């Protein structure tokens, strides 16, 4: 495992060849999107879209880095007239307040990428026990919280410089709307 500092240093060393760094980053983003496209399971995507369409209220939850796509997706859903709100998984008081008032007619979209946040796993387990539909958006079907989801959407997050790319994650957000 490399520290973020070591990963940045190694990546900078690789970008010293003849191709400009921006071109390499764009190629990497394209590969990320192609890999994400290949990982999408049609059944899970259809289930997720139905859950989003049929939900009375939508909670879109992210932690740290994944709060970015969570905020974006909640905004897109609001633009389409859905009752959607973003839940920052670092705000434990708000988590409890919101999750305890959900019903089986609502749905939650949970984002989690490595290093998976424990609070996201705990929330997924709680929602599963209350039979509230969960859509998991993550990098791997084996991510710890996916066992509690009714639909799992995976995306490639590999990046040679950053620890997680959001290119595939943002694309999944756009597919859901």
Protein backbone atom coordinates (compact mmCIF):
# COMPACT_ATOMS: atom_id res chain seq x y z
CA UNK A 1 0.00 0.00 0.00
CA UNK A 2 1.37 3.43 -0.93
CA UNK A 3 0.80 6.57 1.04
CA UNK A 4 -0.83 9.42 -0.93
CA UNK A 5 2.54 11.24 -0.92
CA UNK A 6 4.37 8.20 -2.35
CA UNK A 7 1.67 7.71 -4.99
CA UNK A 8 1.96 11.35 -6.11
CA UNK A 9 5.75 11.10 -6.27
CA UNK A 10 5.67 7.89 -8.33
CA UNK A 11 3.07 9.31 -10.68
CA UNK A 12 5.09 12.46 -11.24
CA UNK A 13 8.06 10.30 -12.18
CA UNK A 14 5.97 8.41 -14.76
CA UNK A 15 4.81 11.63 -16.41
CA UNK A 16 8.31 12.50 -17.52
CA UNK A 17 8.04 10.63 -20.86
CA UNK A 18 7.31 12.34 -24.17
CA UNK A 19 3.52 12.47 -23.82
CA UNK A 20 2.13 15.50 -21.95
CA UNK A 21 0.71 14.74 -18.51
CA UNK A 22 -2.75 16.02 -19.40
CA UNK A 23 -2.96 13.59 -22.35
CA UNK A 24 -2.09 10.68 -20.06
CA UNK A 25 -4.73 11.78 -17.55
CA UNK A 26 -7.38 12.00 -20.27
CA UNK A 27 -6.45 8.55 -21.59
CA UNK A 28 -6.71 7.22 -18.05
CA UNK A 29 -10.17 8.77 -17.61
CA UNK A 30 -11.31 7.17 -20.88
CA UNK A 31 -10.07 3.75 -19.71
CA UNK A 32 -11.85 4.30 -16.40
CA UNK A 33 -15.13 5.04 -18.19
CA UNK A 34 -14.75 2.07 -20.52
CA UNK A 35 -14.13 -0.23 -17.56
CA UNK A 36 -17.12 1.25 -15.71
CA UNK A 37 -19.30 0.68 -18.78
CA UNK A 38 -18.28 -2.98 -18.90
CA UNK A 39 -18.94 -3.48 -15.17
CA UNK A 40 -22.56 -2.28 -15.26
CA UNK A 41 -25.05 -5.07 -14.73
CA UNK A 42 -28.26 -4.30 -16.60
CA UNK A 43 -30.48 -5.93 -13.94
CA UNK A 44 -28.96 -3.89 -11.11
CA UNK A 45 -29.16 -0.68 -13.13
CA UNK A 46 -32.84 -1.32 -13.90
CA UNK A 47 -33.55 -2.11 -10.22
CA UNK A 48 -31.77 1.07 -9.14
CA UNK A 49 -33.66 3.23 -11.64
CA UNK A 50 -36.98 1.74 -10.49
CA UNK A 51 -36.13 2.33 -6.84
CA UNK A 52 -35.24 5.95 -7.58
CA UNK A 53 -38.37 6.45 -9.71
CA UNK A 54 -40.74 4.91 -7.16
CA UNK A 55 -39.31 6.38 -3.96
CA UNK A 56 -41.34 8.98 -2.11
CA UNK A 57 -38.13 10.44 -0.68
CA UNK A 58 -34.52 9.88 -1.67
CA UNK A 59 -31.50 10.20 0.55
CA UNK A 60 -28.19 10.35 -1.27
CA UNK A 61 -25.35 9.72 1.15
CA UNK A 62 -21.61 10.12 0.84
CA UNK A 63 -18.61 10.33 3.11
CA UNK A 64 -15.66 12.65 2.44
CA UNK A 65 -14.69 12.13 -1.22
CA UNK A 66 -18.00 10.47 -2.07
CA UNK A 67 -19.93 13.45 -0.77
CA UNK A 68 -19.07 15.08 -4.12
CA UNK A 69 -21.02 12.61 -6.32
CA UNK A 70 -23.70 12.38 -3.62
CA UNK A 71 -24.26 16.14 -3.76
CA UNK A 72 -24.24 16.06 -7.56
CA UNK A 73 -26.76 13.22 -7.76
CA UNK A 74 -29.10 14.80 -5.20
CA UNK A 75 -28.98 18.03 -7.24
CA UNK A 76 -29.80 16.17 -10.49
CA UNK A 77 -32.70 14.36 -8.82
CA UNK A 78 -34.07 17.64 -7.42
CA UNK A 79 -33.89 19.17 -10.91
CA UNK A 80 -36.12 16.31 -12.08
CA UNK A 81 -38.65 17.09 -9.36
CA UNK A 82 -37.72 14.28 -6.97
CA UNK A 83 -37.70 14.81 -3.20
CA UNK A 84 -33.99 14.19 -2.73
CA UNK A 85 -31.51 15.36 -0.18
CA UNK A 86 -27.83 14.82 0.32
CA UNK A 87 -26.68 13.32 3.61
CA UNK A 88 -23.09 13.91 4.68
CA UNK A 89 -22.08 10.72 6.46
CA UNK A 90 -19.74 12.68 8.71
CA UNK A 91 -22.68 14.39 10.42
CA UNK A 92 -23.70 11.64 12.85
CA UNK A 93 -26.52 13.64 14.46
CA UNK A 94 -28.13 14.30 11.10
CA UNK A 95 -27.64 10.68 10.02
CA UNK A 96 -29.66 9.44 12.98
CA UNK A 97 -32.31 12.11 12.54
CA UNK A 98 -32.86 11.36 8.86
CA UNK A 99 -32.53 7.57 8.77
CA UNK A 100 -34.89 6.96 11.68
CA UNK A 101 -37.72 8.77 9.85
CA UNK A 102 -37.48 6.84 6.58
CA UNK A 103 -40.15 4.37 5.51
CA UNK A 104 -40.19 1.45 3.10
CA UNK A 105 -41.55 3.85 0.47
CA UNK A 106 -38.28 5.80 0.53
CA UNK A 107 -34.87 4.80 -0.85
CA UNK A 108 -31.27 5.53 0.00
CA UNK A 109 -28.36 5.75 -2.41
CA UNK A 110 -25.10 5.07 -0.57
CA UNK A 111 -21.69 5.86 -2.03
CA UNK A 112 -18.58 4.23 -0.63
CA UNK A 113 -15.09 3.84 -2.04
CA UNK A 114 -11.84 2.57 -0.51
CA UNK A 115 -11.14 3.05 2.32
CA UNK A 116 -14.74 2.22 3.07
CA UNK A 117 -16.27 4.26 5.87
CA UNK A 118 -17.52 2.23 8.82
CA UNK A 119 -20.46 4.60 9.25
CA UNK A 120 -21.66 3.73 5.74
CA UNK A 121 -21.59 0.02 6.56
CA UNK A 122 -23.51 0.68 9.77
CA UNK A 123 -26.11 2.77 7.95
CA UNK A 124 -26.55 0.12 5.25
CA UNK A 125 -27.07 -2.55 7.90
CA UNK A 126 -29.62 -0.39 9.74
CA UNK A 127 -31.54 0.32 6.52
CA UNK A 128 -31.50 -3.36 5.58
CA UNK A 129 -33.00 -4.26 8.95
CA UNK A 130 -35.79 -1.67 8.39
CA UNK A 131 -36.36 -3.02 4.85
CA UNK A 132 -35.60 0.35 3.28
CA UNK A 133 -34.28 -0.03 -0.28
CA UNK A 134 -30.60 0.78 -0.75
CA UNK A 135 -28.68 1.38 -3.96
CA UNK A 136 -24.94 0.90 -3.43
CA UNK A 137 -22.52 2.78 -5.65
CA UNK A 138 -18.97 1.58 -5.15
CA UNK A 139 -15.86 0.23 -6.81
CA UNK A 140 -16.44 -3.47 -6.11
CA UNK A 141 -19.31 -5.87 -5.60
CA UNK A 142 -17.38 -7.19 -2.61
CA UNK A 143 -17.34 -3.81 -0.83
CA UNK A 144 -18.45 -4.43 2.77
CA UNK A 145 -21.81 -2.64 2.56
CA UNK A 146 -23.07 -4.16 -0.71
CA UNK A 147 -24.58 -7.21 1.03
CA UNK A 148 -27.26 -4.87 2.40
CA UNK A 149 -28.17 -3.30 -0.96
CA UNK A 150 -31.00 -4.25 -3.31
CA UNK A 151 -28.96 -2.95 -6.28
CA UNK A 152 -25.20 -2.56 -6.62
CA UNK A 153 -23.62 -0.31 -9.25
CA UNK A 154 -19.87 -0.58 -9.62
CA UNK A 155 -17.44 1.77 -11.26
CA UNK A 156 -13.75 1.84 -11.89
CA UNK A 157 -11.97 4.24 -9.54
CA UNK A 158 -8.36 3.44 -10.45
CA UNK A 159 -6.14 6.45 -10.91
CA UNK A 160 -2.39 6.65 -11.29
CA UNK A 161 -2.09 9.87 -9.28
CA UNK A 162 -5.13 10.20 -7.07
CA UNK A 163 -6.28 7.48 -4.70
CA UNK A 164 -9.78 7.33 -6.25
CA UNK A 165 -11.03 8.73 -9.54
CA UNK A 166 -14.61 10.00 -9.67
CA UNK A 167 -15.04 9.75 -13.47
CA UNK A 168 -16.95 6.46 -13.34
CA UNK A 169 -18.85 7.45 -10.23
CA UNK A 170 -20.17 10.64 -11.82
CA UNK A 171 -21.18 8.66 -14.91
CA UNK A 172 -23.24 6.29 -12.73
CA UNK A 173 -24.98 9.32 -11.23
CA UNK A 174 -25.97 10.48 -14.68
CA UNK A 175 -27.20 7.00 -15.63
CA UNK A 176 -29.54 6.94 -12.63
CA UNK A 177 -31.37 10.06 -13.75
